[in-house]
């Protein structure tokens, strides 16, 4: 049976409509207002892309890709994001967060710090704090991603084709924003950077290493506005347990799961204020992954 999710489609319409209005009215807005607003729209668009990867708002992969594949953030091809994110979910029960297995891990291999200089060690350590993840995390993530992709392009023609399609699509986005809507390119780069910072706020406490792989996912019980921006992906335990459920069904799923998990240390009941209070300048994770091998357990939470 083919399914259709009107709520997710409504979010898509709101995002693309909002982006068009934002870009068209950019010259009339103050920068202090336009830049944060654009960053919120792009971060929200990233949440929409995540939903389309998980099969919403339709059961058609092609239609969902058309809805989510517009590269407003420019720096990552949708096809690559889809591949790596689904790979991330394949490791939910086994090697989640482990370097070389989980492509969305923020960890480095054991012994990595000993191979880099003092400045690099300081940067990687700072990236384990919320302040560092927001301020320098986007630069680290984008630079690291592009470095890996350059290597993949050289050895994989299919990968090169994905990037060629992305460059054409990203060029169309730039033609609209910079050429027609007259958003200065450096302002749009700042908007993109801050949108990644917002996404890093969400993902900062989502996963952490543990001897048991099913204990490596956490939840931030966020204010409704944050939850809407992140499309409830902050309820990350529920999302990993039920990756096929649309964003608006995750709160009810989490309410059923919460009694068994509330006292496990994996729930930030105080939302992002609690995350900020505890980890603004104090590391949440270590730069190197502390677990040498994953435990192949059968739990999804």
Protein backbone atom coordinates (compact mmCIF):
# COMPACT_ATOMS: atom_id res chain seq x y z
CA UNK A 1 0.00 0.00 0.00
CA UNK A 2 1.37 3.43 -0.93
CA UNK A 3 1.37 5.86 1.97
CA UNK A 4 1.22 9.63 2.03
CA UNK A 5 2.13 11.94 4.92
CA UNK A 6 0.47 15.36 4.52
CA UNK A 7 2.19 16.83 7.63
CA UNK A 8 5.66 16.25 6.22
CA UNK A 9 4.57 17.62 2.85
CA UNK A 10 3.23 20.70 4.65
CA UNK A 11 6.63 21.17 6.28
CA UNK A 12 8.28 20.95 2.83
CA UNK A 13 5.93 23.59 1.44
CA UNK A 14 6.61 25.85 4.43
CA UNK A 15 10.38 25.48 4.05
CA UNK A 16 10.59 26.09 0.31
CA UNK A 17 7.98 28.84 0.45
CA UNK A 18 9.84 30.43 3.35
CA UNK A 19 13.14 30.21 1.50
CA UNK A 20 11.69 31.89 -1.58
CA UNK A 21 10.22 34.69 0.52
CA UNK A 22 13.46 35.04 2.49
CA UNK A 23 15.60 35.31 -0.62
CA UNK A 24 13.25 37.65 -2.47
CA UNK A 25 12.93 40.00 0.50
CA UNK A 26 16.56 39.76 1.59
CA UNK A 27 17.54 43.24 0.33
CA UNK A 28 14.83 44.79 2.50
CA UNK A 29 15.87 42.97 5.69
CA UNK A 30 18.49 43.86 8.26
CA UNK A 31 21.42 41.44 8.32
CA UNK A 32 20.97 40.75 12.03
CA UNK A 33 17.51 39.39 11.19
CA UNK A 34 18.05 37.93 7.72
CA UNK A 35 21.09 35.79 8.57
CA UNK A 36 19.60 33.95 11.58
CA UNK A 37 16.28 33.51 9.77
CA UNK A 38 18.00 32.01 6.73
CA UNK A 39 20.05 29.73 8.97
CA UNK A 40 16.93 28.44 10.69
CA UNK A 41 15.29 27.74 7.33
CA UNK A 42 18.33 25.81 6.09
CA UNK A 43 18.60 23.82 9.32
CA UNK A 44 14.89 23.01 9.04
CA UNK A 45 15.50 21.94 5.45
CA UNK A 46 18.20 19.57 6.72
CA UNK A 47 15.62 18.03 9.04
CA UNK A 48 13.27 17.63 6.07
CA UNK A 49 16.00 15.90 4.07
CA UNK A 50 16.41 13.47 6.96
CA UNK A 51 12.68 12.68 6.84
CA UNK A 52 12.73 12.06 3.09
CA UNK A 53 15.65 9.66 3.51
CA UNK A 54 13.51 7.65 5.95
CA UNK A 55 10.60 7.33 3.53
CA UNK A 56 8.42 10.39 4.03
CA UNK A 57 6.22 12.01 2.89
CA UNK A 58 5.56 9.28 0.28
CA UNK A 59 6.54 5.67 -0.26
CA UNK A 60 8.33 6.64 -3.47
CA UNK A 61 12.08 7.01 -3.08
CA UNK A 62 12.21 9.08 -6.26
CA UNK A 63 9.50 11.52 -5.19
CA UNK A 64 11.02 11.90 -1.73
CA UNK A 65 14.40 12.61 -3.32
CA UNK A 66 12.82 15.31 -5.48
CA UNK A 67 11.29 16.88 -2.37
CA UNK A 68 14.38 16.68 -0.20
CA UNK A 69 17.14 16.81 -2.77
CA UNK A 70 17.30 20.54 -3.44
CA UNK A 71 20.80 21.43 -2.15
CA UNK A 72 20.02 24.63 -0.28
CA UNK A 73 23.04 24.07 1.97
CA UNK A 74 25.29 23.48 -1.08
CA UNK A 75 28.08 21.53 0.65
CA UNK A 76 26.73 17.95 0.68
CA UNK A 77 25.07 15.98 -2.13
CA UNK A 78 21.72 14.51 -1.13
CA UNK A 79 22.63 11.11 -2.60
CA UNK A 80 25.78 10.91 -0.49
CA UNK A 81 23.93 12.01 2.64
CA UNK A 82 21.28 9.35 2.02
CA UNK A 83 23.88 6.60 1.60
CA UNK A 84 25.92 7.51 4.68
CA UNK A 85 22.89 8.10 6.90
CA UNK A 86 21.33 4.74 6.09
CA UNK A 87 24.71 3.16 6.77
CA UNK A 88 24.69 4.92 10.14
CA UNK A 89 21.36 3.27 10.93
CA UNK A 90 22.58 -0.16 9.87
CA UNK A 91 25.01 0.00 12.80
CA UNK A 92 22.31 0.82 15.39
CA UNK A 93 22.57 -2.63 16.98
CA UNK A 94 26.26 -3.33 16.46
CA UNK A 95 28.95 -0.73 15.85
CA UNK A 96 27.19 2.59 16.32
CA UNK A 97 29.66 5.49 16.88
CA UNK A 98 32.68 3.31 16.00
CA UNK A 99 35.24 4.78 13.61
CA UNK A 100 35.43 2.92 10.32
CA UNK A 101 31.88 1.61 10.70
CA UNK A 102 29.62 4.56 11.56
CA UNK A 103 30.07 7.36 8.98
CA UNK A 104 28.40 9.89 11.31
CA UNK A 105 30.73 9.28 14.24
CA UNK A 106 32.48 12.31 15.76
CA UNK A 107 35.19 10.12 17.26
CA UNK A 108 38.73 9.48 16.03
CA UNK A 109 40.54 6.15 16.19
CA UNK A 110 42.39 5.20 19.35
CA UNK A 111 45.89 6.66 19.26
CA UNK A 112 45.02 9.38 16.73
CA UNK A 113 45.89 12.28 19.03
CA UNK A 114 49.44 11.02 19.35
CA UNK A 115 49.90 11.41 15.59
CA UNK A 116 48.87 15.07 15.32
CA UNK A 117 50.29 18.34 16.57
CA UNK A 118 49.32 20.32 19.65
CA UNK A 119 47.01 22.70 17.76
CA UNK A 120 45.14 19.84 16.09
CA UNK A 121 44.72 18.08 19.45
CA UNK A 122 43.33 21.30 20.94
CA UNK A 123 40.87 21.69 18.06
CA UNK A 124 39.64 18.09 18.33
CA UNK A 125 39.23 18.43 22.10
CA UNK A 126 37.34 21.70 21.72
CA UNK A 127 35.03 20.02 19.21
CA UNK A 128 33.89 17.71 22.01
CA UNK A 129 32.39 20.68 23.86
CA UNK A 130 29.13 22.32 22.80
CA UNK A 131 30.80 25.71 22.29
CA UNK A 132 33.46 24.15 20.08
CA UNK A 133 30.99 21.99 18.15
CA UNK A 134 28.91 25.05 17.29
CA UNK A 135 31.80 27.43 16.58
CA UNK A 136 34.37 25.29 14.77
CA UNK A 137 32.48 22.02 14.31
CA UNK A 138 30.98 22.99 10.93
CA UNK A 139 34.43 23.80 9.50
CA UNK A 140 35.83 20.50 10.79
CA UNK A 141 32.87 18.50 9.48
CA UNK A 142 32.77 20.12 6.03
CA UNK A 143 36.54 19.99 5.51
CA UNK A 144 36.69 16.36 6.63
CA UNK A 145 33.74 15.41 4.43
CA UNK A 146 35.19 17.08 1.34
CA UNK A 147 38.56 15.41 1.92
CA UNK A 148 36.92 11.97 2.07
CA UNK A 149 34.75 12.73 -0.94
CA UNK A 150 37.71 13.86 -3.04
CA UNK A 151 39.33 10.49 -2.45
CA UNK A 152 36.07 8.68 -3.28
CA UNK A 153 35.62 10.66 -6.51
CA UNK A 154 39.06 9.68 -7.72
CA UNK A 155 38.37 5.97 -7.32
CA UNK A 156 34.64 5.70 -8.06
CA UNK A 157 33.01 6.89 -11.29
CA UNK A 158 29.52 6.55 -9.80
CA UNK A 159 30.55 8.87 -7.00
CA UNK A 160 31.86 11.36 -9.54
CA UNK A 161 28.49 11.27 -11.33
CA UNK A 162 26.67 12.03 -8.04
CA UNK A 163 28.90 15.05 -7.51
CA UNK A 164 28.39 16.26 -11.09
CA UNK A 165 24.63 16.23 -10.59
CA UNK A 166 25.07 18.00 -7.26
CA UNK A 167 27.25 20.73 -8.76
CA UNK A 168 24.59 21.46 -11.39
CA UNK A 169 21.83 21.62 -8.74
CA UNK A 170 23.93 23.71 -6.36
CA UNK A 171 24.74 26.05 -9.25
CA UNK A 172 21.02 26.56 -9.81
CA UNK A 173 20.54 27.40 -6.12
CA UNK A 174 23.39 29.92 -6.30
CA UNK A 175 22.03 31.39 -9.53
CA UNK A 176 18.78 32.07 -7.71
CA UNK A 177 20.11 33.30 -4.37
CA UNK A 178 23.15 35.28 -5.53
CA UNK A 179 22.25 36.09 -9.13
CA UNK A 180 18.51 36.80 -8.96
CA UNK A 181 17.70 37.45 -5.30
CA UNK A 182 21.01 39.34 -4.86
CA UNK A 183 22.04 37.70 -1.61
CA UNK A 184 25.81 38.34 -1.33
CA UNK A 185 27.71 35.05 -1.64
CA UNK A 186 29.63 35.61 1.58
CA UNK A 187 26.39 36.22 3.46
CA UNK A 188 24.94 33.00 2.09
CA UNK A 189 28.10 31.14 3.16
CA UNK A 190 27.58 32.53 6.67
CA UNK A 191 23.93 31.42 6.58
CA UNK A 192 25.00 27.92 5.59
CA UNK A 193 27.67 27.79 8.29
CA UNK A 194 25.25 28.85 11.03
CA UNK A 195 22.67 26.33 9.80
CA UNK A 196 25.27 23.57 10.27
CA UNK A 197 25.93 24.97 13.76
CA UNK A 198 22.23 24.58 14.55
CA UNK A 199 22.30 21.01 13.24
CA UNK A 200 25.35 20.33 15.41
CA UNK A 201 23.44 21.61 18.42
CA UNK A 202 20.92 18.85 17.76
CA UNK A 203 23.44 16.12 17.06
CA UNK A 204 25.88 17.07 19.84
CA UNK A 205 24.43 14.76 22.49
CA UNK A 206 22.70 12.21 20.24
CA UNK A 207 25.35 9.51 20.54
CA UNK A 208 28.14 8.61 22.93
CA UNK A 209 30.39 5.58 23.27
CA UNK A 210 29.41 2.76 25.59
CA UNK A 211 30.50 -0.87 26.01
CA UNK A 212 26.97 -1.87 25.00
CA UNK A 213 26.11 -0.57 21.55
CA UNK A 214 22.40 -0.33 22.39
CA UNK A 215 23.28 2.26 25.06
CA UNK A 216 25.00 4.64 22.66
CA UNK A 217 21.95 6.75 21.77
CA UNK A 218 20.47 9.57 23.86
CA UNK A 219 17.45 11.86 24.00
CA UNK A 220 17.14 15.62 24.48
CA UNK A 221 13.60 16.51 25.56
CA UNK A 222 13.48 19.85 23.81
CA UNK A 223 11.14 22.84 23.78
CA UNK A 224 8.43 22.44 21.10
CA UNK A 225 10.07 25.07 18.88
CA UNK A 226 13.38 23.18 18.91
CA UNK A 227 11.51 19.92 18.36
CA UNK A 228 9.75 21.40 15.32
CA UNK A 229 13.02 22.73 13.90
CA UNK A 230 14.63 19.31 14.31
CA UNK A 231 11.41 17.42 13.42
CA UNK A 232 11.66 15.51 16.72
CA UNK A 233 15.02 14.00 15.79
CA UNK A 234 16.11 15.14 19.25
CA UNK A 235 14.10 12.11 20.48
CA UNK A 236 16.92 10.08 19.05
CA UNK A 237 16.39 6.86 20.98
CA UNK A 238 12.85 6.69 19.62
CA UNK A 239 14.07 7.49 16.13
CA UNK A 240 16.67 4.71 16.14
CA UNK A 241 14.17 2.26 17.59
CA UNK A 242 11.56 3.22 14.97
CA UNK A 243 13.42 4.74 11.99
CA UNK A 244 10.47 4.25 9.68
CA UNK A 245 8.07 6.35 11.73
CA UNK A 246 7.44 9.94 10.60
CA UNK A 247 8.61 12.76 12.86
CA UNK A 248 5.16 13.54 14.26
CA UNK A 249 4.75 9.99 15.63
CA UNK A 250 8.02 9.99 17.58
CA UNK A 251 6.70 11.83 20.69
CA UNK A 252 4.11 9.12 21.35
CA UNK A 253 6.71 6.42 20.75
CA UNK A 254 9.06 8.13 23.18
CA UNK A 255 6.37 8.45 25.87
CA UNK A 256 5.98 4.66 25.79
CA UNK A 257 9.74 4.09 26.01
CA UNK A 258 10.60 6.77 28.56
CA UNK A 259 9.69 4.97 31.83
CA UNK A 260 12.32 2.29 31.17
CA UNK A 261 15.01 4.78 30.14
CA UNK A 262 14.48 7.88 32.28
CA UNK A 263 17.03 6.84 34.94
CA UNK A 264 19.72 5.49 32.62
CA UNK A 265 21.61 8.77 32.21
CA UNK A 266 20.68 8.88 28.54
CA UNK A 267 17.95 11.52 28.81
CA UNK A 268 18.46 15.29 28.98
CA UNK A 269 15.10 16.12 30.55
CA UNK A 270 16.05 19.80 30.78
CA UNK A 271 16.40 20.11 27.02
CA UNK A 272 19.17 22.03 25.31
CA UNK A 273 19.47 24.32 28.31
CA UNK A 274 20.68 21.32 30.30
CA UNK A 275 23.03 20.29 27.50
CA UNK A 276 24.43 23.83 27.43
CA UNK A 277 24.75 24.05 31.21
CA UNK A 278 26.62 20.76 31.46
CA UNK A 279 28.71 20.76 28.31
CA UNK A 280 29.17 24.28 26.95
CA UNK A 281 32.85 24.13 27.86
CA UNK A 282 33.05 20.61 29.28
CA UNK A 283 33.53 17.72 26.82
CA UNK A 284 30.58 15.42 26.28
CA UNK A 285 32.69 12.78 24.54
CA UNK A 286 36.40 12.08 24.19
CA UNK A 287 38.16 12.82 20.89
CA UNK A 288 39.17 9.15 20.55
CA UNK A 289 36.65 6.34 20.69
CA UNK A 290 37.18 4.58 24.05
CA UNK A 291 35.61 1.24 23.06
CA UNK A 292 37.84 -1.12 21.11
CA UNK A 293 35.11 -3.45 19.81
CA UNK A 294 31.33 -3.33 19.63
CA UNK A 295 29.05 -5.74 21.46
CA UNK A 296 26.70 -7.44 19.03
CA UNK A 297 23.57 -7.18 21.09
CA UNK A 298 20.03 -7.27 19.76
CA UNK A 299 18.46 -4.14 21.27
CA UNK A 300 17.60 -1.14 19.19
CA UNK A 301 17.40 1.43 21.97
